[in-house]
Amino acid sequence: MGFISFAGRVLLPSIFILAAWQRFNEFGDDGGAAVKLLEPKYALLKSHVTSSLGFQVPEIEIKHLVAAEIGLKGIVDRCVDGNC
């Protein structure tokens, strides 16, 4: 019974670690596929805010947003498990 408990405690975190490693590797130099998906959405948001409110939204590199999302996902996933 002790081995099954140990194996479960090792295997469950390893799944999350491998998922985080995969996201980190997909990020690459240009931000990966997530940047390609977020760029049109950010451009639409920027044009909507500019036309509605009348002020310019500052230029933001989308890959910085993706990097922040990866980091925050790690923090939030850790806190949801109760290990904050």
PDB file of N, CA and C in Angstrom:
ATOM      1  N   MET A   1       0.819  -1.193   0.000  1.00  0.00           N
ATOM      2  CA  MET A   1       0.000   0.000   0.000  1.00  0.00           C
ATOM      3  C   MET A   1       0.864   1.258   0.000  1.00  0.00           C
ATOM      4  N   GLY A   2       1.973   1.194   0.692  1.00  0.00           N
ATOM      5  CA  GLY A   2       2.865   2.338   0.756  1.00  0.00           C
ATOM      6  C   GLY A   2       3.467   2.668  -0.596  1.00  0.00           C
ATOM      7  N   PHE A   3       3.773   1.640  -1.393  1.00  0.00           N
ATOM      8  CA  PHE A   3       4.354   1.888  -2.716  1.00  0.00           C
ATOM      9  C   PHE A   3       3.349   2.562  -3.638  1.00  0.00           C
ATOM     10  N   ILE A   4       2.094   2.163  -3.566  1.00  0.00           N
ATOM     11  CA  ILE A   4       1.062   2.769  -4.418  1.00  0.00           C
ATOM     12  C   ILE A   4       0.893   4.243  -4.056  1.00  0.00           C
ATOM     13  N   SER A   5       0.921   4.535  -2.775  1.00  0.00           N
ATOM     14  CA  SER A   5       0.822   5.926  -2.340  1.00  0.00           C
ATOM     15  C   SER A   5       2.019   6.733  -2.850  1.00  0.00           C
ATOM     16  N   PHE A   6       3.204   6.165  -2.720  1.00  0.00           N
ATOM     17  CA  PHE A   6       4.414   6.833  -3.198  1.00  0.00           C
ATOM     18  C   PHE A   6       4.361   7.041  -4.705  1.00  0.00           C
ATOM     19  N   ALA A   7       3.958   6.011  -5.441  1.00  0.00           N
ATOM     20  CA  ALA A   7       3.889   6.109  -6.903  1.00  0.00           C
ATOM     21  C   ALA A   7       2.883   7.174  -7.328  1.00  0.00           C
ATOM     22  N   GLY A   8       1.748   7.245  -6.641  1.00  0.00           N
ATOM     23  CA  GLY A   8       0.754   8.267  -6.966  1.00  0.00           C
ATOM     24  C   GLY A   8       1.269   9.663  -6.704  1.00  0.00           C
ATOM     25  N   ARG A   9       2.011   9.829  -5.617  1.00  0.00           N
ATOM     26  CA  ARG A   9       2.562  11.147  -5.289  1.00  0.00           C
ATOM     27  C   ARG A   9       3.678  11.552  -6.232  1.00  0.00           C
ATOM     28  N   VAL A  10       4.312  10.599  -6.860  1.00  0.00           N
ATOM     29  CA  VAL A  10       5.364  10.917  -7.829  1.00  0.00           C
ATOM     30  C   VAL A  10       4.780  11.129  -9.223  1.00  0.00           C
ATOM     31  N   LEU A  11       3.839  10.307  -9.613  1.00  0.00           N
ATOM     32  CA  LEU A  11       3.302  10.371 -10.977  1.00  0.00           C
ATOM     33  C   LEU A  11       2.408  11.583 -11.217  1.00  0.00           C
ATOM     34  N   LEU A  12       1.566  11.949 -10.258  1.00  0.00           N
ATOM     35  CA  LEU A  12       0.670  13.077 -10.455  1.00  0.00           C
ATOM     36  C   LEU A  12       1.430  14.387 -10.682  1.00  0.00           C
ATOM     37  N   PRO A  13       2.391  14.751  -9.846  1.00  0.00           N
ATOM     38  CA  PRO A  13       3.139  15.989 -10.137  1.00  0.00           C
ATOM     39  C   PRO A  13       3.950  15.909 -11.419  1.00  0.00           C
ATOM     40  N   SER A  14       4.404  14.702 -11.773  1.00  0.00           N
ATOM     41  CA  SER A  14       5.205  14.590 -12.994  1.00  0.00           C
ATOM     42  C   SER A  14       4.378  14.930 -14.230  1.00  0.00           C
ATOM     43  N   ILE A  15       3.079  14.665 -14.194  1.00  0.00           N
ATOM     44  CA  ILE A  15       2.210  15.031 -15.316  1.00  0.00           C
ATOM     45  C   ILE A  15       2.180  16.547 -15.475  1.00  0.00           C
ATOM     46  N   PHE A  16       2.034  17.270 -14.360  1.00  0.00           N
ATOM     47  CA  PHE A  16       2.002  18.724 -14.411  1.00  0.00           C
ATOM     48  C   PHE A  16       3.353  19.310 -14.808  1.00  0.00           C
ATOM     49  N   ILE A  17       4.414  18.698 -14.331  1.00  0.00           N
ATOM     50  CA  ILE A  17       5.762  19.173 -14.683  1.00  0.00           C
ATOM     51  C   ILE A  17       6.011  18.971 -16.172  1.00  0.00           C
ATOM     52  N   LEU A  18       5.614  17.837 -16.712  1.00  0.00           N
ATOM     53  CA  LEU A  18       5.796  17.596 -18.147  1.00  0.00           C
ATOM     54  C   LEU A  18       4.939  18.544 -18.991  1.00  0.00           C
ATOM     55  N   ALA A  19       3.734  18.857 -18.539  1.00  0.00           N
ATOM     56  CA  ALA A  19       2.886  19.807 -19.271  1.00  0.00           C
ATOM     57  C   ALA A  19       3.515  21.193 -19.267  1.00  0.00           C
ATOM     58  N   ALA A  20       4.073  21.598 -18.131  1.00  0.00           N
ATOM     59  CA  ALA A  20       4.738  22.903 -18.059  1.00  0.00           C
ATOM     60  C   ALA A  20       5.983  22.915 -18.934  1.00  0.00           C
ATOM     61  N   TRP A  21       6.723  21.822 -18.956  1.00  0.00           N
ATOM     62  CA  TRP A  21       7.921  21.740 -19.793  1.00  0.00           C
ATOM     63  C   TRP A  21       7.543  21.842 -21.275  1.00  0.00           C
ATOM     64  N   GLN A  22       6.445  21.213 -21.660  1.00  0.00           N
ATOM     65  CA  GLN A  22       5.996  21.273 -23.041  1.00  0.00           C
ATOM     66  C   GLN A  22       5.603  22.698 -23.415  1.00  0.00           C
ATOM     67  N   ARG A  23       4.876  23.402 -22.539  1.00  0.00           N
ATOM     68  CA  ARG A  23       4.493  24.794 -22.815  1.00  0.00           C
ATOM     69  C   ARG A  23       5.722  25.677 -22.928  1.00  0.00           C
ATOM     70  N   PHE A  24       6.709  25.432 -22.070  1.00  0.00           N
ATOM     71  CA  PHE A  24       7.945  26.203 -22.108  1.00  0.00           C
ATOM     72  C   PHE A  24       8.699  25.966 -23.414  1.00  0.00           C
ATOM     73  N   ASN A  25       8.757  24.722 -23.870  1.00  0.00           N
ATOM     74  CA  ASN A  25       9.444  24.410 -25.128  1.00  0.00           C
ATOM     75  C   ASN A  25       8.700  24.954 -26.337  1.00  0.00           C
ATOM     76  N   GLU A  26       7.374  24.980 -26.297  1.00  0.00           N
ATOM     77  CA  GLU A  26       6.592  25.529 -27.406  1.00  0.00           C
ATOM     78  C   GLU A  26       6.748  27.037 -27.520  1.00  0.00           C
ATOM     79  N   PHE A  27       7.101  27.685 -26.415  1.00  0.00           N
ATOM     80  CA  PHE A  27       7.215  29.142 -26.406  1.00  0.00           C
ATOM     81  C   PHE A  27       8.265  29.609 -27.399  1.00  0.00           C
ATOM     82  N   GLY A  28       9.427  28.991 -27.420  1.00  0.00           N
ATOM     83  CA  GLY A  28      10.469  29.313 -28.398  1.00  0.00           C
ATOM     84  C   GLY A  28      10.944  30.751 -28.318  1.00  0.00           C
ATOM     85  N   ASP A  29      11.535  31.237 -29.403  1.00  0.00           N
ATOM     86  CA  ASP A  29      12.061  32.598 -29.470  1.00  0.00           C
ATOM     87  C   ASP A  29      10.987  33.622 -29.827  1.00  0.00           C
ATOM     88  N   ASP A  30       9.997  33.182 -30.582  1.00  0.00           N
ATOM     89  CA  ASP A  30       8.975  34.121 -31.061  1.00  0.00           C
ATOM     90  C   ASP A  30       7.671  34.053 -30.268  1.00  0.00           C
ATOM     91  N   GLY A  31       7.595  33.226 -29.247  1.00  0.00           N
ATOM     92  CA  GLY A  31       6.385  33.141 -28.446  1.00  0.00           C
ATOM     93  C   GLY A  31       5.499  31.959 -28.800  1.00  0.00           C
ATOM     94  N   GLY A  32       5.806  31.264 -29.854  1.00  0.00           N
ATOM     95  CA  GLY A  32       5.073  30.064 -30.213  1.00  0.00           C
ATOM     96  C   GLY A  32       3.734  30.319 -30.869  1.00  0.00           C
ATOM     97  N   ALA A  33       2.915  29.286 -30.850  1.00  0.00           N
ATOM     98  CA  ALA A  33       1.611  29.331 -31.521  1.00  0.00           C
ATOM     99  C   ALA A  33       0.628  30.254 -30.809  1.00  0.00           C
ATOM    100  N   ALA A  34       0.804  30.432 -29.513  1.00  0.00           N
ATOM    101  CA  ALA A  34      -0.124  31.284 -28.762  1.00  0.00           C
ATOM    102  C   ALA A  34      -0.048  32.729 -29.236  1.00  0.00           C
ATOM    103  N   VAL A  35       1.132  33.180 -29.633  1.00  0.00           N
ATOM    104  CA  VAL A  35       1.280  34.561 -30.128  1.00  0.00           C
ATOM    105  C   VAL A  35       0.496  34.731 -31.418  1.00  0.00           C
ATOM    106  N   LYS A  36       0.560  33.740 -32.271  1.00  0.00           N
ATOM    107  CA  LYS A  36      -0.157  33.820 -33.545  1.00  0.00           C
ATOM    108  C   LYS A  36      -1.673  33.869 -33.325  1.00  0.00           C
ATOM    109  N   LEU A  37      -2.149  33.239 -32.258  1.00  0.00           N
ATOM    110  CA  LEU A  37      -3.574  33.273 -31.961  1.00  0.00           C
ATOM    111  C   LEU A  37      -3.992  34.569 -31.283  1.00  0.00           C
ATOM    112  N   LEU A  38      -3.127  35.143 -30.457  1.00  0.00           N
ATOM    113  CA  LEU A  38      -3.494  36.332 -29.696  1.00  0.00           C
ATOM    114  C   LEU A  38      -3.302  37.644 -30.453  1.00  0.00           C
ATOM    115  N   GLU A  39      -2.420  37.675 -31.448  1.00  0.00           N
ATOM    116  CA  GLU A  39      -2.152  38.929 -32.162  1.00  0.00           C
ATOM    117  C   GLU A  39      -3.403  39.519 -32.813  1.00  0.00           C
ATOM    118  N   PRO A  40      -4.208  38.755 -33.557  1.00  0.00           N
ATOM    119  CA  PRO A  40      -5.409  39.360 -34.147  1.00  0.00           C
ATOM    120  C   PRO A  40      -6.422  39.814 -33.089  1.00  0.00           C
ATOM    121  N   LYS A  41      -6.517  39.080 -32.000  1.00  0.00           N
ATOM    122  CA  LYS A  41      -7.457  39.449 -30.938  1.00  0.00           C
ATOM    123  C   LYS A  41      -7.012  40.734 -30.256  1.00  0.00           C
ATOM    124  N   TYR A  42      -5.716  40.881 -30.044  1.00  0.00           N
ATOM    125  CA  TYR A  42      -5.208  42.096 -29.421  1.00  0.00           C
ATOM    126  C   TYR A  42      -5.379  43.287 -30.362  1.00  0.00           C
ATOM    127  N   ALA A  43      -5.164  43.073 -31.656  1.00  0.00           N
ATOM    128  CA  ALA A  43      -5.347  44.156 -32.620  1.00  0.00           C
ATOM    129  C   ALA A  43      -6.809  44.611 -32.647  1.00  0.00           C
ATOM    130  N   LEU A  44      -7.734  43.656 -32.583  1.00  0.00           N
ATOM    131  CA  LEU A  44      -9.157  44.002 -32.545  1.00  0.00           C
ATOM    132  C   LEU A  44      -9.501  44.760 -31.269  1.00  0.00           C
ATOM    133  N   LEU A  45      -8.986  44.314 -30.135  1.00  0.00           N
ATOM    134  CA  LEU A  45      -9.222  45.004 -28.871  1.00  0.00           C
ATOM    135  C   LEU A  45      -8.655  46.412 -28.900  1.00  0.00           C
ATOM    136  N   LYS A  46      -7.453  46.543 -29.449  1.00  0.00           N
ATOM    137  CA  LYS A  46      -6.807  47.853 -29.519  1.00  0.00           C
ATOM    138  C   LYS A  46      -7.593  48.807 -30.406  1.00  0.00           C
ATOM    139  N   SER A  47      -8.068  48.336 -31.538  1.00  0.00           N
ATOM    140  CA  SER A  47      -8.842  49.211 -32.424  1.00  0.00           C
ATOM    141  C   SER A  47     -10.192  49.573 -31.801  1.00  0.00           C
ATOM    142  N   HIS A  48     -10.792  48.627 -31.087  1.00  0.00           N
ATOM    143  CA  HIS A  48     -12.080  48.904 -30.434  1.00  0.00           C
ATOM    144  C   HIS A  48     -11.917  49.945 -29.322  1.00  0.00           C
ATOM    145  N   VAL A  49     -10.876  49.799 -28.512  1.00  0.00           N
ATOM    146  CA  VAL A  49     -10.639  50.759 -27.430  1.00  0.00           C
ATOM    147  C   VAL A  49     -10.317  52.129 -28.005  1.00  0.00           C
ATOM    148  N   THR A  50      -9.517  52.167 -29.069  1.00  0.00           N
ATOM    149  CA  THR A  50      -9.152  53.439 -29.687  1.00  0.00           C
ATOM    150  C   THR A  50     -10.380  54.140 -30.260  1.00  0.00           C
ATOM    151  N   SER A  51     -11.254  53.392 -30.937  1.00  0.00           N
ATOM    152  CA  SER A  51     -12.428  54.023 -31.535  1.00  0.00           C
ATOM    153  C   SER A  51     -13.484  54.386 -30.485  1.00  0.00           C
ATOM    154  N   SER A  52     -13.605  53.592 -29.451  1.00  0.00           N
ATOM    155  CA  SER A  52     -14.636  53.851 -28.434  1.00  0.00           C
ATOM    156  C   SER A  52     -14.233  54.934 -27.442  1.00  0.00           C
ATOM    157  N   LEU A  53     -13.009  54.842 -26.934  1.00  0.00           N
ATOM    158  CA  LEU A  53     -12.583  55.757 -25.880  1.00  0.00           C
ATOM    159  C   LEU A  53     -11.742  56.919 -26.391  1.00  0.00           C
ATOM    160  N   GLY A  54     -11.184  56.769 -27.570  1.00  0.00           N
ATOM    161  CA  GLY A  54     -10.460  57.870 -28.181  1.00  0.00           C
ATOM    162  C   GLY A  54      -9.023  58.045 -27.727  1.00  0.00           C
ATOM    163  N   PHE A  55      -8.425  57.041 -27.108  1.00  0.00           N
ATOM    164  CA  PHE A  55      -7.008  57.164 -26.779  1.00  0.00           C
ATOM    165  C   PHE A  55      -6.261  55.922 -27.240  1.00  0.00           C
ATOM    166  N   GLN A  56      -4.978  56.094 -27.481  1.00  0.00           N
ATOM    167  CA  GLN A  56      -4.144  55.024 -28.006  1.00  0.00           C
ATOM    168  C   GLN A  56      -3.770  54.034 -26.899  1.00  0.00           C
ATOM    169  N   VAL A  57      -3.864  52.778 -27.223  1.00  0.00           N
ATOM    170  CA  VAL A  57      -3.409  51.716 -26.329  1.00  0.00           C
ATOM    171  C   VAL A  57      -1.921  51.523 -26.594  1.00  0.00           C
ATOM    172  N   PRO A  58      -1.101  51.435 -25.553  1.00  0.00           N
ATOM    173  CA  PRO A  58       0.334  51.286 -25.780  1.00  0.00           C
ATOM    174  C   PRO A  58       0.671  49.964 -26.467  1.00  0.00           C
ATOM    175  N   GLU A  59       1.764  49.984 -27.211  1.00  0.00           N
ATOM    176  CA  GLU A  59       2.222  48.771 -27.882  1.00  0.00           C
ATOM    177  C   GLU A  59       2.752  47.781 -26.841  1.00  0.00           C
ATOM    178  N   ILE A  60       2.309  46.558 -26.942  1.00  0.00           N
ATOM    179  CA  ILE A  60       2.735  45.490 -26.041  1.00  0.00           C
ATOM    180  C   ILE A  60       3.178  44.318 -26.903  1.00  0.00           C
ATOM    181  N   GLU A  61       4.305  43.730 -26.539  1.00  0.00           N
ATOM    182  CA  GLU A  61       4.723  42.523 -27.244  1.00  0.00           C
ATOM    183  C   GLU A  61       3.882  41.358 -26.724  1.00  0.00           C
ATOM    184  N   ILE A  62       3.242  40.673 -27.636  1.00  0.00           N
ATOM    185  CA  ILE A  62       2.322  39.606 -27.273  1.00  0.00           C
ATOM    186  C   ILE A  62       3.071  38.462 -26.595  1.00  0.00           C
ATOM    187  N   LYS A  63       4.333  38.259 -26.965  1.00  0.00           N
ATOM    188  CA  LYS A  63       5.060  37.161 -26.336  1.00  0.00           C
ATOM    189  C   LYS A  63       5.287  37.416 -24.850  1.00  0.00           C
ATOM    190  N   HIS A  64       5.294  38.678 -24.424  1.00  0.00           N
ATOM    191  CA  HIS A  64       5.383  38.971 -22.993  1.00  0.00           C
ATOM    192  C   HIS A  64       4.089  38.575 -22.284  1.00  0.00           C
ATOM    193  N   LEU A  65       2.964  38.787 -22.946  1.00  0.00           N
ATOM    194  CA  LEU A  65       1.692  38.354 -22.372  1.00  0.00           C
ATOM    195  C   LEU A  65       1.623  36.839 -22.242  1.00  0.00           C
ATOM    196  N   VAL A  66       2.132  36.138 -23.249  1.00  0.00           N
ATOM    197  CA  VAL A  66       2.129  34.674 -23.214  1.00  0.00           C
ATOM    198  C   VAL A  66       3.054  34.172 -22.110  1.00  0.00           C
ATOM    199  N   ALA A  67       4.217  34.799 -21.961  1.00  0.00           N
ATOM    200  CA  ALA A  67       5.137  34.402 -20.895  1.00  0.00           C
ATOM    201  C   ALA A  67       4.515  34.638 -19.521  1.00  0.00           C
ATOM    202  N   ALA A  68       3.813  35.750 -19.361  1.00  0.00           N
ATOM    203  CA  ALA A  68       3.128  36.024 -18.093  1.00  0.00           C
ATOM    204  C   ALA A  68       2.029  35.001 -17.839  1.00  0.00           C
ATOM    205  N   GLU A  69       1.331  34.595 -18.883  1.00  0.00           N
ATOM    206  CA  GLU A  69       0.275  33.599 -18.738  1.00  0.00           C
ATOM    207  C   GLU A  69       0.848  32.263 -18.286  1.00  0.00           C
ATOM    208  N   ILE A  70       1.987  31.875 -18.852  1.00  0.00           N
ATOM    209  CA  ILE A  70       2.617  30.615 -18.457  1.00  0.00           C
ATOM    210  C   ILE A  70       3.037  30.683 -16.993  1.00  0.00           C
ATOM    211  N   GLY A  71       3.635  31.802 -16.589  1.00  0.00           N
ATOM    212  CA  GLY A  71       4.056  31.952 -15.209  1.00  0.00           C
ATOM    213  C   GLY A  71       2.886  31.976 -14.234  1.00  0.00           C
ATOM    214  N   LEU A  72       1.837  32.734 -14.583  1.00  0.00           N
ATOM    215  CA  LEU A  72       0.668  32.805 -13.709  1.00  0.00           C
ATOM    216  C   LEU A  72      -0.070  31.477 -13.632  1.00  0.00           C
ATOM    217  N   LYS A  73      -0.069  30.736 -14.724  1.00  0.00           N
ATOM    218  CA  LYS A  73      -0.708  29.430 -14.704  1.00  0.00           C
ATOM    219  C   LYS A  73      -0.002  28.521 -13.717  1.00  0.00           C
ATOM    220  N   GLY A  74       1.311  28.595 -13.655  1.00  0.00           N
ATOM    221  CA  GLY A  74       2.054  27.794 -12.685  1.00  0.00           C
ATOM    222  C   GLY A  74       1.748  28.188 -11.262  1.00  0.00           C
ATOM    223  N   ILE A  75       1.609  29.476 -11.007  1.00  0.00           N
ATOM    224  CA  ILE A  75       1.309  29.950  -9.656  1.00  0.00           C
ATOM    225  C   ILE A  75      -0.117  29.573  -9.262  1.00  0.00           C
ATOM    226  N   VAL A  76      -1.063  29.807 -10.162  1.00  0.00           N
ATOM    227  CA  VAL A  76      -2.467  29.542  -9.853  1.00  0.00           C
ATOM    228  C   VAL A  76      -2.702  28.045  -9.690  1.00  0.00           C
ATOM    229  N   ASP A  77      -2.117  27.224 -10.556  1.00  0.00           N
ATOM    230  CA  ASP A  77      -2.303  25.783 -10.432  1.00  0.00           C
ATOM    231  C   ASP A  77      -1.731  25.288  -9.108  1.00  0.00           C
ATOM    232  N   ARG A  78      -0.640  25.884  -8.690  1.00  0.00           N
ATOM    233  CA  ARG A  78      -0.043  25.478  -7.418  1.00  0.00           C
ATOM    234  C   ARG A  78      -0.929  25.908  -6.260  1.00  0.00           C
ATOM    235  N   CYS A  79      -1.519  27.091  -6.331  1.00  0.00           N
ATOM    236  CA  CYS A  79      -2.351  27.600  -5.245  1.00  0.00           C
ATOM    237  C   CYS A  79      -3.700  26.892  -5.179  1.00  0.00           C
ATOM    238  N   VAL A  80      -4.202  26.437  -6.312  1.00  0.00           N
ATOM    239  CA  VAL A  80      -5.470  25.725  -6.314  1.00  0.00           C
ATOM    240  C   VAL A  80      -5.331  24.412  -5.581  1.00  0.00           C
ATOM    241  N   ASP A  81      -4.158  23.790  -5.679  1.00  0.00           N
ATOM    242  CA  ASP A  81      -3.930  22.524  -4.968  1.00  0.00           C
ATOM    243  C   ASP A  81      -3.807  22.717  -3.471  1.00  0.00           C
ATOM    244  N   GLY A  82      -3.721  23.961  -2.993  1.00  0.00           N
ATOM    245  CA  GLY A  82      -3.653  24.223  -1.569  1.00  0.00           C
ATOM    246  C   GLY A  82      -2.241  24.277  -1.014  1.00  0.00           C
ATOM    247  N   ASN A  83      -1.270  24.417  -1.893  1.00  0.00           N
ATOM    248  CA  ASN A  83       0.116  24.428  -1.464  1.00  0.00           C
ATOM    249  C   ASN A  83       0.743  25.811  -1.516  1.00  0.00           C
ATOM    250  N   CYS A  84      -0.043  26.862  -1.413  1.00  0.00           N
ATOM    251  CA  CYS A  84       0.487  28.226  -1.533  1.00  0.00           C
ATOM    252  C   CYS A  84       1.517  28.531  -0.483  1.00  0.00           C
TER     253      CYS A  84
END
